[in-house]
Amino acid sequence: MLVSNATTRLEADLAQLGLTDAVDAVVNTARIGVAKPDPRVYQIAAQRAGVPASRCLFIDDTLTNVTAATAVGMTGLHFQRIQQLRDAPAPAADADRPR
């Protein structure tokens, strides 16, 4: 899922770049009326993902946004270097997920 404080052009830009299918869903704050770090952004993202916030890993290069995500129960990663992504925890396997 992509969560972005983008403009209303985000979806068109993703389509133009051929990235529409790169993510399962997009939470574009220009469309929902609140922007990161408002807690509602993270709650909406978890809801659209169909999971509780505690099952979400939120990655951002802005510490304020990461702090806000962790405040609603997400695991947060303040991105500063690529190795952090390589070391990020993998989601636990769901019992009903096909393997």
PDB file of N, CA and C in Angstrom:
ATOM      1  N   MET A   1       0.844  -1.166   0.000  1.00  0.00           N
ATOM      2  CA  MET A   1       0.000   0.000   0.000  1.00  0.00           C
ATOM      3  C   MET A   1       0.893   1.234   0.000  1.00  0.00           C
ATOM      4  N   LEU A   2       0.469   2.220  -0.706  1.00  0.00           N
ATOM      5  CA  LEU A   2       1.154   3.504  -0.748  1.00  0.00           C
ATOM      6  C   LEU A   2       0.318   4.520   0.012  1.00  0.00           C
ATOM      7  N   VAL A   3       0.934   5.192   0.975  1.00  0.00           N
ATOM      8  CA  VAL A   3       0.291   6.280   1.712  1.00  0.00           C
ATOM      9  C   VAL A   3       1.099   7.523   1.402  1.00  0.00           C
ATOM     10  N   SER A   4       0.448   8.516   0.798  1.00  0.00           N
ATOM     11  CA  SER A   4       1.198   9.673   0.326  1.00  0.00           C
ATOM     12  C   SER A   4       0.459  10.981   0.556  1.00  0.00           C
ATOM     13  N   ASN A   5       1.218  11.992   0.962  1.00  0.00           N
ATOM     14  CA  ASN A   5       0.723  13.365   1.000  1.00  0.00           C
ATOM     15  C   ASN A   5       0.973  13.973  -0.384  1.00  0.00           C
ATOM     16  N   ALA A   6       0.308  13.423  -1.368  1.00  0.00           N
ATOM     17  CA  ALA A   6       0.506  13.861  -2.750  1.00  0.00           C
ATOM     18  C   ALA A   6      -0.633  14.785  -3.178  1.00  0.00           C
ATOM     19  N   THR A   7      -0.583  15.157  -4.422  1.00  0.00           N
ATOM     20  CA  THR A   7      -1.652  15.966  -5.003  1.00  0.00           C
ATOM     21  C   THR A   7      -2.706  15.039  -5.593  1.00  0.00           C
ATOM     22  N   THR A   8      -3.776  15.616  -6.084  1.00  0.00           N
ATOM     23  CA  THR A   8      -4.826  14.817  -6.720  1.00  0.00           C
ATOM     24  C   THR A   8      -4.341  14.186  -8.027  1.00  0.00           C
ATOM     25  N   ARG A   9      -3.154  14.517  -8.463  1.00  0.00           N
ATOM     26  CA  ARG A   9      -2.583  13.928  -9.680  1.00  0.00           C
ATOM     27  C   ARG A   9      -1.884  12.599  -9.409  1.00  0.00           C
ATOM     28  N   LEU A  10      -1.769  12.184  -8.162  1.00  0.00           N
ATOM     29  CA  LEU A  10      -0.999  10.988  -7.832  1.00  0.00           C
ATOM     30  C   LEU A  10      -1.418   9.770  -8.641  1.00  0.00           C
ATOM     31  N   GLU A  11      -2.691   9.477  -8.665  1.00  0.00           N
ATOM     32  CA  GLU A  11      -3.154   8.279  -9.371  1.00  0.00           C
ATOM     33  C   GLU A  11      -2.818   8.345 -10.863  1.00  0.00           C
ATOM     34  N   ALA A  12      -3.004   9.506 -11.476  1.00  0.00           N
ATOM     35  CA  ALA A  12      -2.669   9.671 -12.890  1.00  0.00           C
ATOM     36  C   ALA A  12      -1.170   9.534 -13.111  1.00  0.00           C
ATOM     37  N   ASP A  13      -0.383  10.079 -12.189  1.00  0.00           N
ATOM     38  CA  ASP A  13       1.074   9.961 -12.307  1.00  0.00           C
ATOM     39  C   ASP A  13       1.517   8.501 -12.191  1.00  0.00           C
ATOM     40  N   LEU A  14       0.931   7.756 -11.256  1.00  0.00           N
ATOM     41  CA  LEU A  14       1.268   6.331 -11.117  1.00  0.00           C
ATOM     42  C   LEU A  14       0.912   5.572 -12.393  1.00  0.00           C
ATOM     43  N   ALA A  15      -0.246   5.877 -12.961  1.00  0.00           N
ATOM     44  CA  ALA A  15      -0.674   5.216 -14.201  1.00  0.00           C
ATOM     45  C   ALA A  15       0.280   5.549 -15.348  1.00  0.00           C
ATOM     46  N   GLN A  16       0.645   6.814 -15.457  1.00  0.00           N
ATOM     47  CA  GLN A  16       1.544   7.239 -16.533  1.00  0.00           C
ATOM     48  C   GLN A  16       2.907   6.547 -16.415  1.00  0.00           C
ATOM     49  N   LEU A  17       3.348   6.302 -15.197  1.00  0.00           N
ATOM     50  CA  LEU A  17       4.634   5.643 -14.974  1.00  0.00           C
ATOM     51  C   LEU A  17       4.538   4.123 -15.010  1.00  0.00           C
ATOM     52  N   GLY A  18       3.330   3.602 -15.203  1.00  0.00           N
ATOM     53  CA  GLY A  18       3.142   2.154 -15.235  1.00  0.00           C
ATOM     54  C   GLY A  18       3.232   1.513 -13.860  1.00  0.00           C
ATOM     55  N   LEU A  19       2.914   2.267 -12.816  1.00  0.00           N
ATOM     56  CA  LEU A  19       3.060   1.772 -11.445  1.00  0.00           C
ATOM     57  C   LEU A  19       1.732   1.480 -10.757  1.00  0.00           C
ATOM     58  N   THR A  20       0.645   1.545 -11.483  1.00  0.00           N
ATOM     59  CA  THR A  20      -0.658   1.324 -10.881  1.00  0.00           C
ATOM     60  C   THR A  20      -0.744  -0.016 -10.171  1.00  0.00           C
ATOM     61  N   ASP A  21      -0.174  -1.042 -10.755  1.00  0.00           N
ATOM     62  CA  ASP A  21      -0.243  -2.378 -10.169  1.00  0.00           C
ATOM     63  C   ASP A  21       0.902  -2.679  -9.207  1.00  0.00           C
ATOM     64  N   ALA A  22       1.740  -1.681  -8.931  1.00  0.00           N
ATOM     65  CA  ALA A  22       2.879  -1.899  -8.028  1.00  0.00           C
ATOM     66  C   ALA A  22       2.452  -1.989  -6.568  1.00  0.00           C
ATOM     67  N   VAL A  23       1.280  -1.474  -6.249  1.00  0.00           N
ATOM     68  CA  VAL A  23       0.758  -1.518  -4.884  1.00  0.00           C
ATOM     69  C   VAL A  23      -0.688  -2.000  -4.914  1.00  0.00           C
ATOM     70  N   ASP A  24      -1.127  -2.587  -3.801  1.00  0.00           N
ATOM     71  CA  ASP A  24      -2.501  -3.087  -3.718  1.00  0.00           C
ATOM     72  C   ASP A  24      -3.522  -1.965  -3.578  1.00  0.00           C
ATOM     73  N   ALA A  25      -3.116  -0.890  -2.915  1.00  0.00           N
ATOM     74  CA  ALA A  25      -4.034   0.221  -2.674  1.00  0.00           C
ATOM     75  C   ALA A  25      -3.240   1.503  -2.481  1.00  0.00           C
ATOM     76  N   VAL A  26      -3.925   2.617  -2.673  1.00  0.00           N
ATOM     77  CA  VAL A  26      -3.310   3.932  -2.486  1.00  0.00           C
ATOM     78  C   VAL A  26      -4.175   4.733  -1.516  1.00  0.00           C
ATOM     79  N   VAL A  27      -3.533   5.298  -0.503  1.00  0.00           N
ATOM     80  CA  VAL A  27      -4.195   6.272   0.360  1.00  0.00           C
ATOM     81  C   VAL A  27      -3.543   7.604   0.021  1.00  0.00           C
ATOM     82  N   ASN A  28      -4.258   8.389  -0.754  1.00  0.00           N
ATOM     83  CA  ASN A  28      -3.789   9.691  -1.191  1.00  0.00           C
ATOM     84  C   ASN A  28      -4.449  10.729  -0.294  1.00  0.00           C
ATOM     85  N   THR A  29      -3.661  11.379   0.538  1.00  0.00           N
ATOM     86  CA  THR A  29      -4.244  12.306   1.511  1.00  0.00           C
ATOM     87  C   THR A  29      -4.971  13.474   0.849  1.00  0.00           C
ATOM     88  N   ALA A  30      -4.638  13.789  -0.382  1.00  0.00           N
ATOM     89  CA  ALA A  30      -5.354  14.849  -1.092  1.00  0.00           C
ATOM     90  C   ALA A  30      -6.801  14.442  -1.353  1.00  0.00           C
ATOM     91  N   ARG A  31      -7.053  13.158  -1.336  1.00  0.00           N
ATOM     92  CA  ARG A  31      -8.403  12.652  -1.597  1.00  0.00           C
ATOM     93  C   ARG A  31      -9.196  12.390  -0.322  1.00  0.00           C
ATOM     94  N   ILE A  32      -8.503  12.153   0.803  1.00  0.00           N
ATOM     95  CA  ILE A  32      -9.238  11.835   2.033  1.00  0.00           C
ATOM     96  C   ILE A  32      -9.436  13.042   2.943  1.00  0.00           C
ATOM     97  N   GLY A  33      -8.765  14.145   2.645  1.00  0.00           N
ATOM     98  CA  GLY A  33      -9.010  15.379   3.376  1.00  0.00           C
ATOM     99  C   GLY A  33      -8.191  15.595   4.635  1.00  0.00           C
ATOM    100  N   VAL A  34      -7.320  14.686   4.956  1.00  0.00           N
ATOM    101  CA  VAL A  34      -6.381  14.851   6.077  1.00  0.00           C
ATOM    102  C   VAL A  34      -5.029  14.343   5.607  1.00  0.00           C
ATOM    103  N   ALA A  35      -3.963  14.900   6.174  1.00  0.00           N
ATOM    104  CA  ALA A  35      -2.618  14.549   5.725  1.00  0.00           C
ATOM    105  C   ALA A  35      -1.790  13.984   6.880  1.00  0.00           C
ATOM    106  N   LYS A  36      -0.776  13.186   6.511  1.00  0.00           N
ATOM    107  CA  LYS A  36       0.182  12.730   7.521  1.00  0.00           C
ATOM    108  C   LYS A  36       0.769  13.955   8.193  1.00  0.00           C
ATOM    109  N   PRO A  37       0.892  14.001   9.472  1.00  0.00           N
ATOM    110  CA  PRO A  37       0.825  12.917  10.443  1.00  0.00           C
ATOM    111  C   PRO A  37      -0.504  12.784  11.188  1.00  0.00           C
ATOM    112  N   ASP A  38      -1.609  13.213  10.623  1.00  0.00           N
ATOM    113  CA  ASP A  38      -2.900  13.053  11.278  1.00  0.00           C
ATOM    114  C   ASP A  38      -3.170  11.555  11.493  1.00  0.00           C
ATOM    115  N   PRO A  39      -3.545  11.144  12.693  1.00  0.00           N
ATOM    116  CA  PRO A  39      -3.764   9.718  12.983  1.00  0.00           C
ATOM    117  C   PRO A  39      -4.795   9.062  12.075  1.00  0.00           C
ATOM    118  N   ARG A  40      -5.741   9.820  11.580  1.00  0.00           N
ATOM    119  CA  ARG A  40      -6.768   9.237  10.711  1.00  0.00           C
ATOM    120  C   ARG A  40      -6.179   8.660   9.436  1.00  0.00           C
ATOM    121  N   VAL A  41      -5.080   9.210   8.971  1.00  0.00           N
ATOM    122  CA  VAL A  41      -4.445   8.690   7.755  1.00  0.00           C
ATOM    123  C   VAL A  41      -4.037   7.225   7.963  1.00  0.00           C
ATOM    124  N   TYR A  42      -3.424   6.946   9.088  1.00  0.00           N
ATOM    125  CA  TYR A  42      -2.936   5.594   9.372  1.00  0.00           C
ATOM    126  C   TYR A  42      -4.085   4.642   9.659  1.00  0.00           C
ATOM    127  N   GLN A  43      -5.120   5.144  10.308  1.00  0.00           N
ATOM    128  CA  GLN A  43      -6.301   4.319  10.567  1.00  0.00           C
ATOM    129  C   GLN A  43      -6.993   3.949   9.261  1.00  0.00           C
ATOM    130  N   ILE A  44      -7.092   4.887   8.347  1.00  0.00           N
ATOM    131  CA  ILE A  44      -7.686   4.618   7.035  1.00  0.00           C
ATOM    132  C   ILE A  44      -6.841   3.612   6.265  1.00  0.00           C
ATOM    133  N   ALA A  45      -5.527   3.756   6.328  1.00  0.00           N
ATOM    134  CA  ALA A  45      -4.638   2.826   5.624  1.00  0.00           C
ATOM    135  C   ALA A  45      -4.825   1.404   6.142  1.00  0.00           C
ATOM    136  N   ALA A  46      -4.864   1.232   7.451  1.00  0.00           N
ATOM    137  CA  ALA A  46      -5.057  -0.104   8.024  1.00  0.00           C
ATOM    138  C   ALA A  46      -6.421  -0.658   7.629  1.00  0.00           C
ATOM    139  N   GLN A  47      -7.436   0.187   7.674  1.00  0.00           N
ATOM    140  CA  GLN A  47      -8.779  -0.239   7.289  1.00  0.00           C
ATOM    141  C   GLN A  47      -8.805  -0.701   5.831  1.00  0.00           C
ATOM    142  N   ARG A  48      -8.185   0.059   4.956  1.00  0.00           N
ATOM    143  CA  ARG A  48      -8.170  -0.323   3.535  1.00  0.00           C
ATOM    144  C   ARG A  48      -7.357  -1.582   3.295  1.00  0.00           C
ATOM    145  N   ALA A  49      -6.357  -1.799   4.131  1.00  0.00           N
ATOM    146  CA  ALA A  49      -5.566  -3.025   4.022  1.00  0.00           C
ATOM    147  C   ALA A  49      -6.328  -4.214   4.598  1.00  0.00           C
ATOM    148  N   GLY A  50      -7.372  -3.926   5.373  1.00  0.00           N
ATOM    149  CA  GLY A  50      -8.182  -4.992   5.949  1.00  0.00           C
ATOM    150  C   GLY A  50      -7.529  -5.682   7.128  1.00  0.00           C
ATOM    151  N   VAL A  51      -6.658  -4.960   7.812  1.00  0.00           N
ATOM    152  CA  VAL A  51      -5.956  -5.533   8.960  1.00  0.00           C
ATOM    153  C   VAL A  51      -5.928  -4.515  10.100  1.00  0.00           C
ATOM    154  N   PRO A  52      -5.722  -4.997  11.334  1.00  0.00           N
ATOM    155  CA  PRO A  52      -5.556  -4.030  12.422  1.00  0.00           C
ATOM    156  C   PRO A  52      -4.230  -3.285  12.267  1.00  0.00           C
ATOM    157  N   ALA A  53      -4.167  -2.098  12.840  1.00  0.00           N
ATOM    158  CA  ALA A  53      -2.935  -1.297  12.760  1.00  0.00           C
ATOM    159  C   ALA A  53      -1.726  -2.068  13.261  1.00  0.00           C
ATOM    160  N   SER A  54      -1.926  -2.946  14.220  1.00  0.00           N
ATOM    161  CA  SER A  54      -0.814  -3.712  14.785  1.00  0.00           C
ATOM    162  C   SER A  54      -0.160  -4.653  13.770  1.00  0.00           C
ATOM    163  N   ARG A  55      -0.826  -4.897  12.645  1.00  0.00           N
ATOM    164  CA  ARG A  55      -0.265  -5.759  11.586  1.00  0.00           C
ATOM    165  C   ARG A  55       0.401  -4.951  10.482  1.00  0.00           C
ATOM    166  N   CYS A  56       0.501  -3.633  10.667  1.00  0.00           N
ATOM    167  CA  CYS A  56       1.050  -2.762   9.630  1.00  0.00           C
ATOM    168  C   CYS A  56       2.472  -2.321   9.958  1.00  0.00           C
ATOM    169  N   LEU A  57       3.300  -2.318   8.944  1.00  0.00           N
ATOM    170  CA  LEU A  57       4.637  -1.740   9.027  1.00  0.00           C
ATOM    171  C   LEU A  57       4.603  -0.463   8.206  1.00  0.00           C
ATOM    172  N   PHE A  58       4.815   0.664   8.855  1.00  0.00           N
ATOM    173  CA  PHE A  58       4.798   1.955   8.184  1.00  0.00           C
ATOM    174  C   PHE A  58       6.229   2.444   8.041  1.00  0.00           C
ATOM    175  N   ILE A  59       6.629   2.766   6.815  1.00  0.00           N
ATOM    176  CA  ILE A  59       7.988   3.225   6.525  1.00  0.00           C
ATOM    177  C   ILE A  59       7.896   4.626   5.941  1.00  0.00           C
ATOM    178  N   ASP A  60       8.682   5.536   6.505  1.00  0.00           N
ATOM    179  CA  ASP A  60       8.672   6.918   6.023  1.00  0.00           C
ATOM    180  C   ASP A  60      10.021   7.545   6.331  1.00  0.00           C
ATOM    181  N   ASP A  61      10.391   8.530   5.537  1.00  0.00           N
ATOM    182  CA  ASP A  61      11.663   9.221   5.789  1.00  0.00           C
ATOM    183  C   ASP A  61      11.505  10.414   6.725  1.00  0.00           C
ATOM    184  N   THR A  62      10.277  10.657   7.196  1.00  0.00           N
ATOM    185  CA  THR A  62      10.016  11.742   8.124  1.00  0.00           C
ATOM    186  C   THR A  62       9.639  11.158   9.478  1.00  0.00           C
ATOM    187  N   LEU A  63      10.447  11.435  10.483  1.00  0.00           N
ATOM    188  CA  LEU A  63      10.255  10.860  11.810  1.00  0.00           C
ATOM    189  C   LEU A  63       8.886  11.203  12.391  1.00  0.00           C
ATOM    190  N   THR A  64       8.391  12.397  12.159  1.00  0.00           N
ATOM    191  CA  THR A  64       7.082  12.795  12.681  1.00  0.00           C
ATOM    192  C   THR A  64       5.989  11.854  12.179  1.00  0.00           C
ATOM    193  N   ASN A  65       6.061  11.462  10.917  1.00  0.00           N
ATOM    194  CA  ASN A  65       5.059  10.552  10.353  1.00  0.00           C
ATOM    195  C   ASN A  65       5.180   9.159  10.956  1.00  0.00           C
ATOM    196  N   VAL A  66       6.392   8.703  11.172  1.00  0.00           N
ATOM    197  CA  VAL A  66       6.612   7.391  11.779  1.00  0.00           C
ATOM    198  C   VAL A  66       6.093   7.391  13.214  1.00  0.00           C
ATOM    199  N   THR A  67       6.371   8.447  13.946  1.00  0.00           N
ATOM    200  CA  THR A  67       5.906   8.567  15.327  1.00  0.00           C
ATOM    201  C   THR A  67       4.377   8.529  15.389  1.00  0.00           C
ATOM    202  N   ALA A  68       3.730   9.206  14.471  1.00  0.00           N
ATOM    203  CA  ALA A  68       2.265   9.210  14.428  1.00  0.00           C
ATOM    204  C   ALA A  68       1.718   7.824  14.113  1.00  0.00           C
ATOM    205  N   ALA A  69       2.366   7.104  13.215  1.00  0.00           N
ATOM    206  CA  ALA A  69       1.922   5.752  12.876  1.00  0.00           C
ATOM    207  C   ALA A  69       2.062   4.810  14.070  1.00  0.00           C
ATOM    208  N   THR A  70       3.159   4.923  14.787  1.00  0.00           N
ATOM    209  CA  THR A  70       3.342   4.058  15.955  1.00  0.00           C
ATOM    210  C   THR A  70       2.342   4.405  17.058  1.00  0.00           C
ATOM    211  N   ALA A  71       1.922   5.656  17.121  1.00  0.00           N
ATOM    212  CA  ALA A  71       0.944   6.062  18.131  1.00  0.00           C
ATOM    213  C   ALA A  71      -0.412   5.390  17.920  1.00  0.00           C
ATOM    214  N   VAL A  72      -0.726   4.992  16.689  1.00  0.00           N
ATOM    215  CA  VAL A  72      -1.986   4.282  16.433  1.00  0.00           C
ATOM    216  C   VAL A  72      -1.795   2.773  16.426  1.00  0.00           C
ATOM    217  N   GLY A  73      -0.589   2.318  16.763  1.00  0.00           N
ATOM    218  CA  GLY A  73      -0.351   0.883  16.921  1.00  0.00           C
ATOM    219  C   GLY A  73       0.440   0.201  15.830  1.00  0.00           C
ATOM    220  N   MET A  74       0.857   0.939  14.820  1.00  0.00           N
ATOM    221  CA  MET A  74       1.658   0.346  13.744  1.00  0.00           C
ATOM    222  C   MET A  74       3.109   0.185  14.189  1.00  0.00           C
ATOM    223  N   THR A  75       3.804  -0.721  13.534  1.00  0.00           N
ATOM    224  CA  THR A  75       5.254  -0.773  13.671  1.00  0.00           C
ATOM    225  C   THR A  75       5.796   0.285  12.731  1.00  0.00           C
ATOM    226  N   GLY A  76       6.730   1.095  13.192  1.00  0.00           N
ATOM    227  CA  GLY A  76       7.253   2.172  12.372  1.00  0.00           C
ATOM    228  C   GLY A  76       8.730   2.007  12.084  1.00  0.00           C
ATOM    229  N   LEU A  77       9.120   2.436  10.905  1.00  0.00           N
ATOM    230  CA  LEU A  77      10.521   2.431  10.504  1.00  0.00           C
ATOM    231  C   LEU A  77      10.852   3.790   9.910  1.00  0.00           C
ATOM    232  N   HIS A  78      11.740   4.508  10.572  1.00  0.00           N
ATOM    233  CA  HIS A  78      12.202   5.797  10.057  1.00  0.00           C
ATOM    234  C   HIS A  78      13.305   5.513   9.039  1.00  0.00           C
ATOM    235  N   PHE A  79      12.974   5.606   7.769  1.00  0.00           N
ATOM    236  CA  PHE A  79      13.903   5.254   6.697  1.00  0.00           C
ATOM    237  C   PHE A  79      15.007   6.291   6.568  1.00  0.00           C
ATOM    238  N   GLN A  80      16.244   5.807   6.669  1.00  0.00           N
ATOM    239  CA  GLN A  80      17.407   6.665   6.476  1.00  0.00           C
ATOM    240  C   GLN A  80      18.431   6.044   5.532  1.00  0.00           C
ATOM    241  N   ARG A  81      18.401   4.713   5.403  1.00  0.00           N
ATOM    242  CA  ARG A  81      19.335   4.039   4.493  1.00  0.00           C
ATOM    243  C   ARG A  81      18.726   2.713   4.039  1.00  0.00           C
ATOM    244  N   ILE A  82      19.130   2.246   2.879  1.00  0.00           N
ATOM    245  CA  ILE A  82      18.528   1.077   2.235  1.00  0.00           C
ATOM    246  C   ILE A  82      18.637  -0.183   3.081  1.00  0.00           C
ATOM    247  N   GLN A  83      19.681  -0.344   3.858  1.00  0.00           N
ATOM    248  CA  GLN A  83      19.846  -1.555   4.664  1.00  0.00           C
ATOM    249  C   GLN A  83      18.687  -1.736   5.643  1.00  0.00           C
ATOM    250  N   GLN A  84      18.087  -0.657   6.081  1.00  0.00           N
ATOM    251  CA  GLN A  84      16.942  -0.756   6.980  1.00  0.00           C
ATOM    252  C   GLN A  84      15.790  -1.526   6.328  1.00  0.00           C
ATOM    253  N   LEU A  85      15.590  -1.333   5.042  1.00  0.00           N
ATOM    254  CA  LEU A  85      14.529  -2.051   4.345  1.00  0.00           C
ATOM    255  C   LEU A  85      14.858  -3.531   4.241  1.00  0.00           C
ATOM    256  N   ARG A  86      16.107  -3.825   4.029  1.00  0.00           N
ATOM    257  CA  ARG A  86      16.530  -5.230   3.963  1.00  0.00           C
ATOM    258  C   ARG A  86      16.362  -5.927   5.302  1.00  0.00           C
ATOM    259  N   ASP A  87      16.516  -5.173   6.390  1.00  0.00           N
ATOM    260  CA  ASP A  87      16.440  -5.735   7.732  1.00  0.00           C
ATOM    261  C   ASP A  87      15.050  -5.653   8.350  1.00  0.00           C
ATOM    262  N   ALA A  88      14.101  -5.004   7.660  1.00  0.00           N
ATOM    263  CA  ALA A  88      12.756  -4.809   8.214  1.00  0.00           C
ATOM    264  C   ALA A  88      12.090  -6.151   8.479  1.00  0.00           C
ATOM    265  N   PRO A  89      11.297  -6.217   9.537  1.00  0.00           N
ATOM    266  CA  PRO A  89      10.638  -7.493   9.862  1.00  0.00           C
ATOM    267  C   PRO A  89       9.621  -7.869   8.794  1.00  0.00           C
ATOM    268  N   ALA A  90       9.603  -9.141   8.459  1.00  0.00           N
ATOM    269  CA  ALA A  90       8.602  -9.657   7.526  1.00  0.00           C
ATOM    270  C   ALA A  90       7.303  -9.852   8.291  1.00  0.00           C
ATOM    271  N   PRO A  91       6.156  -9.668   7.637  1.00  0.00           N
ATOM    272  CA  PRO A  91       4.891  -9.890   8.341  1.00  0.00           C
ATOM    273  C   PRO A  91       4.747 -11.357   8.715  1.00  0.00           C
ATOM    274  N   ALA A  92       4.120 -11.598   9.838  1.00  0.00           N
ATOM    275  CA  ALA A  92       3.857 -12.967  10.262  1.00  0.00           C
ATOM    276  C   ALA A  92       2.893 -13.613   9.280  1.00  0.00           C
ATOM    277  N   ALA A  93       3.071 -14.882   9.042  1.00  0.00           N
ATOM    278  CA  ALA A  93       2.191 -15.601   8.120  1.00  0.00           C
ATOM    279  C   ALA A  93       0.808 -15.737   8.747  1.00  0.00           C
ATOM    280  N   ASP A  94      -0.215 -15.457   7.975  1.00  0.00           N
ATOM    281  CA  ASP A  94      -1.584 -15.657   8.442  1.00  0.00           C
ATOM    282  C   ASP A  94      -1.944 -17.119   8.248  1.00  0.00           C
ATOM    283  N   ALA A  95      -2.697 -17.658   9.171  1.00  0.00           N
ATOM    284  CA  ALA A  95      -3.095 -19.063   9.087  1.00  0.00           C
ATOM    285  C   ALA A  95      -3.917 -19.340   7.840  1.00  0.00           C
ATOM    286  N   ASP A  96      -4.704 -18.349   7.391  1.00  0.00           N
ATOM    287  CA  ASP A  96      -5.578 -18.580   6.233  1.00  0.00           C
ATOM    288  C   ASP A  96      -4.941 -18.128   4.913  1.00  0.00           C
ATOM    289  N   ARG A  97      -3.703 -17.669   4.959  1.00  0.00           N
ATOM    290  CA  ARG A  97      -3.024 -17.225   3.733  1.00  0.00           C
ATOM    291  C   ARG A  97      -2.492 -18.448   2.991  1.00  0.00           C
ATOM    292  N   PRO A  98      -2.759 -18.567   1.672  1.00  0.00           N
ATOM    293  CA  PRO A  98      -2.177 -19.679   0.903  1.00  0.00           C
ATOM    294  C   PRO A  98      -0.660 -19.605   0.910  1.00  0.00           C
ATOM    295  N   ARG A  99      -0.038 -20.732   0.951  1.00  0.00           N
ATOM    296  CA  ARG A  99       1.429 -20.789   0.976  1.00  0.00           C
ATOM    297  C   ARG A  99       1.969 -21.333  -0.315  1.00  0.00           C
TER     298      ARG A  99
END
